[in-house]
Amino acid sequence: MASLKDIRDRIKSVKSIQKVTSAMKMVAAAKVRKAQQKMEQARPYTLALEEVIHHILPDINRDDLDLLNIREIKRKAYVIVSADRGLAGAFNSNITKVAEKEINEFGRENVDLFCIGKKARDHFKRREYNIIESHTDFWNDLNYDNAMMIGRSIIDHFTSGKVDEVHVIYNYFVNMAQQEIKSEVLLPLVYEDGEFEAKDRLYEPSKEALVGSLVPRHLNIQVWKYLLESYASEQAARMLSMENATTNAGDMIKSLTLEFNKARQAAITTEMLEIVSGAEALNE
């Protein structure tokens, strides 16, 4: 049995950890609320832009714009959105697992990677995948400029003909307790028929000029959406993970306290028996 001092030290250590996990939970809760607000603000603009582009695309010659050019798929690029930090449950491991499976099914030798977040970068770097770019250390100051920088790199890689298709794998924020991993095709830009309600519109300037201007902007907005969804999912996963850790620490403190009381009682009983035995020996 552990000594009273050992148990007391363990209780003190667990209480310190509990304070840290509780503080991290509160920080994550504040961050996820801010991320939700940004998502809600961006969503109407994103949907409106998607609708406009969808109505223009059927009348546009795809060969006139490289971003619309559908080619035979010989090589792909994958944009994998992870986090810089851990302590978020299975948030990072799940997305790298899904990405690795999908990449290996196509053939890793025919895939270029854009890793967003240190966890994805480190995972695929250790396994010697072909990483073209990695973007890290920007989550604490997340803004639209980050999305534009990443989007520009992805667009350049596609339009230069280095890849024929670009996929994005990210965590979609469902609610505080649930995040869903999604894999979407970012490029070339394709919409299914009937996805939006058809409306007659007059366009000024020409549809071609509008598409040339709006499509790159739309792609940057999509990247911004992926970043916001992933960031909100990360903070929600961390909040839940830290809440579970805090609860487990509380249960451990109760268990250790019970063990401490039993050990102290046993020590007191032993001491009393020794005193009684000593007294009886003297009387004899």
C-alpha atoms as a PDB file:
ATOM      1  CA  MET A   1       0.000   0.000   0.000  1.00  0.00           C
ATOM      2  CA  ALA A   2       1.212   3.497  -0.866  1.00  0.00           C
ATOM      3  CA  SER A   3       2.295   5.709   2.023  1.00  0.00           C
ATOM      4  CA  LEU A   4       0.173   8.614   3.247  1.00  0.00           C
ATOM      5  CA  LYS A   5       2.681  11.078   1.819  1.00  0.00           C
ATOM      6  CA  ASP A   6       2.561   9.433  -1.632  1.00  0.00           C
ATOM      7  CA  ILE A   7      -1.243   9.514  -1.699  1.00  0.00           C
ATOM      8  CA  ARG A   8      -1.307  13.132  -0.481  1.00  0.00           C
ATOM      9  CA  ASP A   9       1.134  14.118  -3.255  1.00  0.00           C
ATOM     10  CA  ARG A  10      -0.979  12.358  -5.870  1.00  0.00           C
ATOM     11  CA  ILE A  11      -4.121  14.161  -4.709  1.00  0.00           C
ATOM     12  CA  LYS A  12      -2.303  17.494  -4.900  1.00  0.00           C
ATOM     13  CA  SER A  13      -1.021  16.672  -8.410  1.00  0.00           C
ATOM     14  CA  VAL A  14      -4.460  15.619  -9.702  1.00  0.00           C
ATOM     15  CA  LYS A  15      -6.059  18.782  -8.259  1.00  0.00           C
ATOM     16  CA  SER A  16      -3.485  20.893 -10.155  1.00  0.00           C
ATOM     17  CA  ILE A  17      -4.280  19.049 -13.397  1.00  0.00           C
ATOM     18  CA  GLN A  18      -8.008  19.520 -12.757  1.00  0.00           C
ATOM     19  CA  LYS A  19      -7.528  23.289 -12.507  1.00  0.00           C
ATOM     20  CA  VAL A  20      -5.696  23.309 -15.852  1.00  0.00           C
ATOM     21  CA  THR A  21      -8.310  21.195 -17.669  1.00  0.00           C
ATOM     22  CA  SER A  22     -11.133  23.291 -16.228  1.00  0.00           C
ATOM     23  CA  ALA A  23      -9.448  26.504 -17.427  1.00  0.00           C
ATOM     24  CA  MET A  24      -8.825  25.004 -20.897  1.00  0.00           C
ATOM     25  CA  LYS A  25     -12.484  23.999 -21.106  1.00  0.00           C
ATOM     26  CA  MET A  26     -13.625  27.570 -20.427  1.00  0.00           C
ATOM     27  CA  VAL A  27     -11.163  29.018 -22.963  1.00  0.00           C
ATOM     28  CA  ALA A  28     -12.323  26.536 -25.619  1.00  0.00           C
ATOM     29  CA  ALA A  29     -15.983  27.384 -24.899  1.00  0.00           C
ATOM     30  CA  ALA A  30     -15.295  31.090 -25.464  1.00  0.00           C
ATOM     31  CA  LYS A  31     -13.382  30.401 -28.695  1.00  0.00           C
ATOM     32  CA  VAL A  32     -16.036  28.100 -30.152  1.00  0.00           C
ATOM     33  CA  ARG A  33     -18.709  30.769 -29.621  1.00  0.00           C
ATOM     34  CA  LYS A  34     -16.612  33.314 -31.537  1.00  0.00           C
ATOM     35  CA  ALA A  35     -16.032  30.811 -34.345  1.00  0.00           C
ATOM     36  CA  GLN A  36     -19.774  30.111 -34.552  1.00  0.00           C
ATOM     37  CA  GLN A  37     -20.499  33.821 -34.894  1.00  0.00           C
ATOM     38  CA  LYS A  38     -18.000  34.114 -37.764  1.00  0.00           C
ATOM     39  CA  MET A  39     -19.554  31.094 -39.499  1.00  0.00           C
ATOM     40  CA  GLU A  40     -23.048  32.549 -39.211  1.00  0.00           C
ATOM     41  CA  GLN A  41     -21.850  35.889 -40.589  1.00  0.00           C
ATOM     42  CA  ALA A  42     -20.094  34.287 -43.582  1.00  0.00           C
ATOM     43  CA  ARG A  43     -22.813  31.771 -44.489  1.00  0.00           C
ATOM     44  CA  PRO A  44     -25.324  34.108 -46.281  1.00  0.00           C
ATOM     45  CA  TYR A  45     -22.574  35.589 -48.494  1.00  0.00           C
ATOM     46  CA  THR A  46     -21.208  32.132 -49.300  1.00  0.00           C
ATOM     47  CA  LEU A  47     -24.614  30.757 -50.305  1.00  0.00           C
ATOM     48  CA  ALA A  48     -25.480  33.820 -52.417  1.00  0.00           C
ATOM     49  CA  LEU A  49     -22.153  33.619 -54.256  1.00  0.00           C
ATOM     50  CA  GLU A  50     -22.622  29.892 -54.904  1.00  0.00           C
ATOM     51  CA  GLU A  51     -26.094  30.547 -56.317  1.00  0.00           C
ATOM     52  CA  VAL A  52     -24.896  33.265 -58.705  1.00  0.00           C
ATOM     53  CA  ILE A  53     -22.013  31.155 -60.007  1.00  0.00           C
ATOM     54  CA  HIS A  54     -24.276  28.133 -60.418  1.00  0.00           C
ATOM     55  CA  HIS A  55     -26.635  30.056 -62.678  1.00  0.00           C
ATOM     56  CA  ILE A  56     -23.808  31.409 -64.802  1.00  0.00           C
ATOM     57  CA  LEU A  57     -21.831  28.183 -65.308  1.00  0.00           C
ATOM     58  CA  PRO A  58     -24.197  26.373 -67.745  1.00  0.00           C
ATOM     59  CA  ASP A  59     -23.730  29.158 -70.333  1.00  0.00           C
ATOM     60  CA  ILE A  60     -19.955  29.362 -69.953  1.00  0.00           C
ATOM     61  CA  ASN A  61     -17.368  27.534 -72.029  1.00  0.00           C
ATOM     62  CA  ARG A  62     -15.292  25.737 -69.385  1.00  0.00           C
ATOM     63  CA  ASP A  63     -12.197  25.906 -71.565  1.00  0.00           C
ATOM     64  CA  ASP A  64     -12.200  29.695 -71.197  1.00  0.00           C
ATOM     65  CA  LEU A  65     -11.270  29.482 -67.498  1.00  0.00           C
ATOM     66  CA  ASP A  66      -8.651  27.095 -66.103  1.00  0.00           C
ATOM     67  CA  LEU A  67     -10.489  26.773 -62.790  1.00  0.00           C
ATOM     68  CA  LEU A  68     -13.457  25.190 -64.603  1.00  0.00           C
ATOM     69  CA  ASN A  69     -11.417  22.910 -66.836  1.00  0.00           C
ATOM     70  CA  ILE A  70     -12.351  19.252 -66.265  1.00  0.00           C
ATOM     71  CA  ARG A  71      -9.396  17.015 -67.123  1.00  0.00           C
ATOM     72  CA  GLU A  72      -8.645  13.320 -66.968  1.00  0.00           C
ATOM     73  CA  ILE A  73      -7.662  12.669 -63.363  1.00  0.00           C
ATOM     74  CA  LYS A  74      -4.081  11.454 -63.260  1.00  0.00           C
ATOM     75  CA  ARG A  75      -2.880  13.377 -60.222  1.00  0.00           C
ATOM     76  CA  LYS A  76      -4.711  14.880 -57.245  1.00  0.00           C
ATOM     77  CA  ALA A  77      -4.014  17.404 -54.537  1.00  0.00           C
ATOM     78  CA  TYR A  78      -5.408  16.998 -51.028  1.00  0.00           C
ATOM     79  CA  VAL A  79      -5.890  19.894 -48.627  1.00  0.00           C
ATOM     80  CA  ILE A  80      -5.977  18.440 -45.104  1.00  0.00           C
ATOM     81  CA  VAL A  81      -7.230  20.774 -42.389  1.00  0.00           C
ATOM     82  CA  SER A  82      -6.078  19.829 -38.890  1.00  0.00           C
ATOM     83  CA  ALA A  83      -5.019  21.719 -35.753  1.00  0.00           C
ATOM     84  CA  ASP A  84      -1.712  22.963 -34.376  1.00  0.00           C
ATOM     85  CA  ARG A  85      -2.339  21.553 -30.893  1.00  0.00           C
ATOM     86  CA  GLY A  86      -3.612  18.345 -29.359  1.00  0.00           C
ATOM     87  CA  LEU A  87      -5.719  17.799 -26.217  1.00  0.00           C
ATOM     88  CA  ALA A  88      -8.839  17.664 -28.399  1.00  0.00           C
ATOM     89  CA  GLY A  89      -9.723  13.986 -28.166  1.00  0.00           C
ATOM     90  CA  ALA A  90      -9.571  12.153 -31.506  1.00  0.00           C
ATOM     91  CA  PHE A  91     -10.009  15.361 -33.540  1.00  0.00           C
ATOM     92  CA  ASN A  92      -6.626  15.194 -35.288  1.00  0.00           C
ATOM     93  CA  SER A  93      -6.132  11.432 -35.427  1.00  0.00           C
ATOM     94  CA  ASN A  94      -9.527  10.868 -37.046  1.00  0.00           C
ATOM     95  CA  ILE A  95      -8.905  13.311 -39.882  1.00  0.00           C
ATOM     96  CA  THR A  96      -5.398  12.027 -40.627  1.00  0.00           C
ATOM     97  CA  LYS A  97      -6.748   8.469 -40.616  1.00  0.00           C
ATOM     98  CA  VAL A  98      -9.501   9.309 -43.137  1.00  0.00           C
ATOM     99  CA  ALA A  99      -7.112  11.325 -45.306  1.00  0.00           C
ATOM    100  CA  GLU A 100      -4.457   8.612 -45.318  1.00  0.00           C
ATOM    101  CA  LYS A 101      -6.990   5.950 -46.334  1.00  0.00           C
ATOM    102  CA  GLU A 102      -8.403   8.060 -49.174  1.00  0.00           C
ATOM    103  CA  ILE A 103      -4.940   9.042 -50.445  1.00  0.00           C
ATOM    104  CA  ASN A 104      -3.643   5.467 -50.387  1.00  0.00           C
ATOM    105  CA  GLU A 105      -6.699   4.227 -52.290  1.00  0.00           C
ATOM    106  CA  PHE A 106      -5.873   6.607 -55.147  1.00  0.00           C
ATOM    107  CA  GLY A 107      -2.117   6.050 -54.872  1.00  0.00           C
ATOM    108  CA  ARG A 108       0.107   8.179 -52.654  1.00  0.00           C
ATOM    109  CA  GLU A 109       2.713   8.550 -55.405  1.00  0.00           C
ATOM    110  CA  ASN A 110       0.131  10.498 -57.445  1.00  0.00           C
ATOM    111  CA  VAL A 111      -0.922  12.886 -54.666  1.00  0.00           C
ATOM    112  CA  ASP A 112       0.329  16.326 -53.570  1.00  0.00           C
ATOM    113  CA  LEU A 113      -0.509  17.497 -50.054  1.00  0.00           C
ATOM    114  CA  PHE A 114      -1.368  20.906 -48.651  1.00  0.00           C
ATOM    115  CA  CYS A 115      -1.249  20.468 -44.865  1.00  0.00           C
ATOM    116  CA  ILE A 116      -3.026  23.021 -42.707  1.00  0.00           C
ATOM    117  CA  GLY A 117      -2.082  22.667 -39.054  1.00  0.00           C
ATOM    118  CA  LYS A 118       0.977  21.111 -37.409  1.00  0.00           C
ATOM    119  CA  LYS A 119      -0.717  17.804 -36.638  1.00  0.00           C
ATOM    120  CA  ALA A 120      -1.390  16.958 -40.303  1.00  0.00           C
ATOM    121  CA  ARG A 121       2.029  18.223 -41.367  1.00  0.00           C
ATOM    122  CA  ASP A 122       3.881  16.166 -38.744  1.00  0.00           C
ATOM    123  CA  HIS A 123       1.816  13.041 -39.424  1.00  0.00           C
ATOM    124  CA  PHE A 124       2.420  12.985 -43.181  1.00  0.00           C
ATOM    125  CA  LYS A 125       5.988  14.246 -42.952  1.00  0.00           C
ATOM    126  CA  ARG A 126       6.941  11.273 -40.762  1.00  0.00           C
ATOM    127  CA  ARG A 127       5.439   8.952 -43.366  1.00  0.00           C
ATOM    128  CA  GLU A 128       7.249  10.754 -46.213  1.00  0.00           C
ATOM    129  CA  TYR A 129       4.213  11.870 -48.222  1.00  0.00           C
ATOM    130  CA  ASN A 130       4.700  14.535 -50.887  1.00  0.00           C
ATOM    131  CA  ILE A 131       3.914  17.744 -48.971  1.00  0.00           C
ATOM    132  CA  ILE A 132       3.839  20.791 -51.264  1.00  0.00           C
ATOM    133  CA  GLU A 133       2.972  23.374 -48.601  1.00  0.00           C
ATOM    134  CA  SER A 134       2.130  23.518 -44.916  1.00  0.00           C
ATOM    135  CA  HIS A 135       0.407  26.384 -43.106  1.00  0.00           C
ATOM    136  CA  THR A 136       0.742  26.595 -39.320  1.00  0.00           C
ATOM    137  CA  ASP A 137       0.751  29.025 -36.380  1.00  0.00           C
ATOM    138  CA  PHE A 138      -2.122  31.204 -37.590  1.00  0.00           C
ATOM    139  CA  TRP A 139      -5.110  29.762 -35.724  1.00  0.00           C
ATOM    140  CA  ASN A 140      -4.902  32.215 -32.816  1.00  0.00           C
ATOM    141  CA  ASP A 141      -5.139  35.096 -35.305  1.00  0.00           C
ATOM    142  CA  LEU A 142      -7.485  33.477 -37.826  1.00  0.00           C
ATOM    143  CA  ASN A 143      -8.716  35.914 -40.480  1.00  0.00           C
ATOM    144  CA  TYR A 144      -9.749  36.038 -44.140  1.00  0.00           C
ATOM    145  CA  ASP A 145      -6.200  36.896 -45.250  1.00  0.00           C
ATOM    146  CA  ASN A 146      -5.153  33.395 -44.190  1.00  0.00           C
ATOM    147  CA  ALA A 147      -7.825  31.912 -46.452  1.00  0.00           C
ATOM    148  CA  MET A 148      -6.759  34.101 -49.383  1.00  0.00           C
ATOM    149  CA  MET A 149      -3.108  33.085 -49.006  1.00  0.00           C
ATOM    150  CA  ILE A 150      -3.942  29.369 -48.858  1.00  0.00           C
ATOM    151  CA  GLY A 151      -6.524  29.675 -51.653  1.00  0.00           C
ATOM    152  CA  ARG A 152      -4.033  31.433 -53.930  1.00  0.00           C
ATOM    153  CA  SER A 153      -1.509  28.624 -53.496  1.00  0.00           C
ATOM    154  CA  ILE A 154      -4.110  25.945 -54.253  1.00  0.00           C
ATOM    155  CA  ILE A 155      -5.429  27.804 -57.324  1.00  0.00           C
ATOM    156  CA  ASP A 156      -1.906  28.284 -58.717  1.00  0.00           C
ATOM    157  CA  HIS A 157      -1.119  24.597 -58.234  1.00  0.00           C
ATOM    158  CA  PHE A 158      -4.277  23.576 -60.129  1.00  0.00           C
ATOM    159  CA  THR A 159      -4.122  26.116 -62.959  1.00  0.00           C
ATOM    160  CA  SER A 160      -0.468  25.282 -63.647  1.00  0.00           C
ATOM    161  CA  GLY A 161      -1.599  21.762 -64.559  1.00  0.00           C
ATOM    162  CA  LYS A 162       0.344  20.040 -61.769  1.00  0.00           C
ATOM    163  CA  VAL A 163      -2.846  18.318 -60.560  1.00  0.00           C
ATOM    164  CA  ASP A 164      -6.176  17.522 -62.196  1.00  0.00           C
ATOM    165  CA  GLU A 165      -8.390  17.646 -59.103  1.00  0.00           C
ATOM    166  CA  VAL A 166      -8.234  19.197 -55.631  1.00  0.00           C
ATOM    167  CA  HIS A 167      -9.920  17.598 -52.613  1.00  0.00           C
ATOM    168  CA  VAL A 168     -10.391  19.106 -49.162  1.00  0.00           C
ATOM    169  CA  ILE A 169     -10.726  16.975 -46.023  1.00  0.00           C
ATOM    170  CA  TYR A 170     -11.895  18.854 -42.939  1.00  0.00           C
ATOM    171  CA  ASN A 171     -14.057  18.634 -39.828  1.00  0.00           C
ATOM    172  CA  TYR A 172     -17.592  19.959 -40.333  1.00  0.00           C
ATOM    173  CA  PHE A 173     -19.143  21.533 -37.224  1.00  0.00           C
ATOM    174  CA  VAL A 174     -22.521  19.884 -36.506  1.00  0.00           C
ATOM    175  CA  ASN A 175     -22.968  20.910 -32.874  1.00  0.00           C
ATOM    176  CA  MET A 176     -20.985  21.150 -29.649  1.00  0.00           C
ATOM    177  CA  ALA A 177     -20.923  17.391 -29.187  1.00  0.00           C
ATOM    178  CA  GLN A 178     -20.554  16.275 -32.808  1.00  0.00           C
ATOM    179  CA  GLN A 179     -18.100  16.983 -35.622  1.00  0.00           C
ATOM    180  CA  GLU A 180     -18.292  15.240 -38.987  1.00  0.00           C
ATOM    181  CA  ILE A 181     -15.312  14.615 -41.258  1.00  0.00           C
ATOM    182  CA  LYS A 182     -16.070  15.672 -44.836  1.00  0.00           C
ATOM    183  CA  SER A 183     -14.191  15.196 -48.095  1.00  0.00           C
ATOM    184  CA  GLU A 184     -15.157  17.621 -50.864  1.00  0.00           C
ATOM    185  CA  VAL A 185     -13.915  18.398 -54.356  1.00  0.00           C
ATOM    186  CA  LEU A 186     -12.792  22.029 -54.461  1.00  0.00           C
ATOM    187  CA  LEU A 187     -11.478  22.101 -58.055  1.00  0.00           C
ATOM    188  CA  PRO A 188     -12.545  21.927 -60.809  1.00  0.00           C
ATOM    189  CA  LEU A 189     -15.724  23.783 -59.916  1.00  0.00           C
ATOM    190  CA  VAL A 190     -18.791  21.632 -60.626  1.00  0.00           C
ATOM    191  CA  TYR A 191     -22.424  21.944 -59.534  1.00  0.00           C
ATOM    192  CA  GLU A 192     -25.110  19.311 -59.805  1.00  0.00           C
ATOM    193  CA  ASP A 193     -28.247  20.142 -61.783  1.00  0.00           C
ATOM    194  CA  GLY A 194     -31.134  21.194 -59.604  1.00  0.00           C
ATOM    195  CA  GLU A 195     -28.916  22.169 -56.692  1.00  0.00           C
ATOM    196  CA  PHE A 196     -30.314  25.711 -56.789  1.00  0.00           C
ATOM    197  CA  GLU A 197     -33.644  27.096 -57.923  1.00  0.00           C
ATOM    198  CA  ALA A 198     -33.397  28.510 -61.453  1.00  0.00           C
ATOM    199  CA  LYS A 199     -33.974  32.267 -61.824  1.00  0.00           C
ATOM    200  CA  ASP A 200     -33.779  34.622 -64.788  1.00  0.00           C
ATOM    201  CA  ARG A 201     -31.201  37.363 -64.344  1.00  0.00           C
ATOM    202  CA  LEU A 202     -29.515  40.068 -66.375  1.00  0.00           C
ATOM    203  CA  TYR A 203     -25.757  40.283 -65.903  1.00  0.00           C
ATOM    204  CA  GLU A 204     -23.566  43.332 -66.298  1.00  0.00           C
ATOM    205  CA  PRO A 205     -20.773  43.036 -67.338  1.00  0.00           C
ATOM    206  CA  SER A 206     -20.795  39.778 -69.349  1.00  0.00           C
ATOM    207  CA  LYS A 207     -21.143  36.366 -67.761  1.00  0.00           C
ATOM    208  CA  GLU A 208     -17.575  35.522 -68.800  1.00  0.00           C
ATOM    209  CA  ALA A 209     -16.194  38.575 -67.008  1.00  0.00           C
ATOM    210  CA  LEU A 210     -18.264  37.820 -63.915  1.00  0.00           C
ATOM    211  CA  VAL A 211     -17.124  34.213 -63.793  1.00  0.00           C
ATOM    212  CA  GLY A 212     -13.484  35.234 -64.156  1.00  0.00           C
ATOM    213  CA  SER A 213     -13.882  37.584 -61.199  1.00  0.00           C
ATOM    214  CA  LEU A 214     -16.243  35.618 -58.959  1.00  0.00           C
ATOM    215  CA  VAL A 215     -14.835  32.086 -59.196  1.00  0.00           C
ATOM    216  CA  PRO A 216     -11.453  32.879 -57.531  1.00  0.00           C
ATOM    217  CA  ARG A 217     -13.314  34.857 -54.863  1.00  0.00           C
ATOM    218  CA  HIS A 218     -15.708  31.958 -54.364  1.00  0.00           C
ATOM    219  CA  LEU A 219     -12.808  29.540 -53.901  1.00  0.00           C
ATOM    220  CA  ASN A 220     -11.239  31.805 -51.266  1.00  0.00           C
ATOM    221  CA  ILE A 221     -14.582  31.941 -49.480  1.00  0.00           C
ATOM    222  CA  GLN A 222     -14.764  28.140 -49.567  1.00  0.00           C
ATOM    223  CA  VAL A 223     -11.298  27.895 -47.992  1.00  0.00           C
ATOM    224  CA  TRP A 224     -12.420  30.428 -45.356  1.00  0.00           C
ATOM    225  CA  LYS A 225     -15.438  28.210 -44.660  1.00  0.00           C
ATOM    226  CA  TYR A 226     -13.212  25.147 -44.234  1.00  0.00           C
ATOM    227  CA  LEU A 227     -10.980  27.016 -41.778  1.00  0.00           C
ATOM    228  CA  LEU A 228     -13.906  28.300 -39.718  1.00  0.00           C
ATOM    229  CA  GLU A 229     -15.641  24.913 -39.628  1.00  0.00           C
ATOM    230  CA  SER A 230     -12.433  23.165 -38.600  1.00  0.00           C
ATOM    231  CA  TYR A 231     -11.562  25.771 -35.967  1.00  0.00           C
ATOM    232  CA  ALA A 232     -15.037  25.596 -34.400  1.00  0.00           C
ATOM    233  CA  SER A 233     -14.888  21.784 -34.478  1.00  0.00           C
ATOM    234  CA  GLU A 234     -11.449  21.781 -32.845  1.00  0.00           C
ATOM    235  CA  GLN A 235     -12.545  24.034 -29.987  1.00  0.00           C
ATOM    236  CA  ALA A 236     -15.761  22.045 -29.457  1.00  0.00           C
ATOM    237  CA  ALA A 237     -13.766  18.789 -29.384  1.00  0.00           C
ATOM    238  CA  ARG A 238     -11.259  20.320 -26.949  1.00  0.00           C
ATOM    239  CA  MET A 239     -14.031  21.659 -24.722  1.00  0.00           C
ATOM    240  CA  LEU A 240     -15.655  18.207 -24.543  1.00  0.00           C
ATOM    241  CA  SER A 241     -12.312  16.496 -23.990  1.00  0.00           C
ATOM    242  CA  MET A 242     -11.341  18.877 -21.184  1.00  0.00           C
ATOM    243  CA  GLU A 243     -14.778  18.512 -19.592  1.00  0.00           C
ATOM    244  CA  ASN A 244     -14.302  14.730 -19.540  1.00  0.00           C
ATOM    245  CA  ALA A 245     -10.771  15.146 -18.170  1.00  0.00           C
ATOM    246  CA  THR A 246     -12.033  17.460 -15.411  1.00  0.00           C
ATOM    247  CA  THR A 247     -14.761  14.957 -14.470  1.00  0.00           C
ATOM    248  CA  ASN A 248     -12.266  12.083 -14.464  1.00  0.00           C
ATOM    249  CA  ALA A 249      -9.900  14.112 -12.288  1.00  0.00           C
ATOM    250  CA  GLY A 250     -12.735  14.711  -9.825  1.00  0.00           C
ATOM    251  CA  ASP A 251     -13.490  10.972  -9.697  1.00  0.00           C
ATOM    252  CA  MET A 252      -9.789  10.227  -9.186  1.00  0.00           C
ATOM    253  CA  ILE A 253      -9.578  12.751  -6.336  1.00  0.00           C
ATOM    254  CA  LYS A 254     -12.551  11.079  -4.631  1.00  0.00           C
ATOM    255  CA  SER A 255     -10.947   7.659  -5.038  1.00  0.00           C
ATOM    256  CA  LEU A 256      -7.564   8.856  -3.759  1.00  0.00           C
ATOM    257  CA  THR A 257      -9.186  10.659  -0.826  1.00  0.00           C
ATOM    258  CA  LEU A 258     -10.975   7.435   0.125  1.00  0.00           C
ATOM    259  CA  GLU A 259      -7.698   5.533  -0.176  1.00  0.00           C
ATOM    260  CA  PHE A 260      -5.962   8.200   1.929  1.00  0.00           C
ATOM    261  CA  ASN A 261      -8.595   7.961   4.674  1.00  0.00           C
ATOM    262  CA  LYS A 262      -8.349   4.159   4.728  1.00  0.00           C
ATOM    263  CA  ALA A 263      -4.556   4.293   4.929  1.00  0.00           C
ATOM    264  CA  ARG A 264      -4.688   6.908   7.696  1.00  0.00           C
ATOM    265  CA  GLN A 265      -7.234   4.838   9.638  1.00  0.00           C
ATOM    266  CA  ALA A 266      -5.083   1.744   9.224  1.00  0.00           C
ATOM    267  CA  ALA A 267      -2.040   3.680  10.459  1.00  0.00           C
ATOM    268  CA  ILE A 268      -3.960   4.959  13.487  1.00  0.00           C
ATOM    269  CA  THR A 269      -5.266   1.459  14.271  1.00  0.00           C
ATOM    270  CA  THR A 270      -1.767  -0.023  13.972  1.00  0.00           C
ATOM    271  CA  GLU A 271      -0.354   2.661  16.246  1.00  0.00           C
ATOM    272  CA  MET A 272      -3.079   2.077  18.856  1.00  0.00           C
ATOM    273  CA  LEU A 273      -2.458  -1.670  18.789  1.00  0.00           C
ATOM    274  CA  GLU A 274       1.262  -1.074  19.292  1.00  0.00           C
ATOM    275  CA  ILE A 275       0.541   1.202  22.285  1.00  0.00           C
ATOM    276  CA  VAL A 276      -1.829  -1.349  23.833  1.00  0.00           C
ATOM    277  CA  SER A 277       0.623  -4.185  23.217  1.00  0.00           C
ATOM    278  CA  GLY A 278       3.418  -2.149  24.764  1.00  0.00           C
ATOM    279  CA  ALA A 279       1.306  -1.324  27.828  1.00  0.00           C
ATOM    280  CA  GLU A 280       0.384  -4.984  28.345  1.00  0.00           C
ATOM    281  CA  ALA A 281       4.033  -6.011  28.050  1.00  0.00           C
ATOM    282  CA  LEU A 282       4.978  -3.510  30.785  1.00  0.00           C
ATOM    283  CA  ASN A 283       2.220  -4.772  33.077  1.00  0.00           C
ATOM    284  CA  GLU A 284       3.536  -8.274  32.795  1.00  0.00           C
END
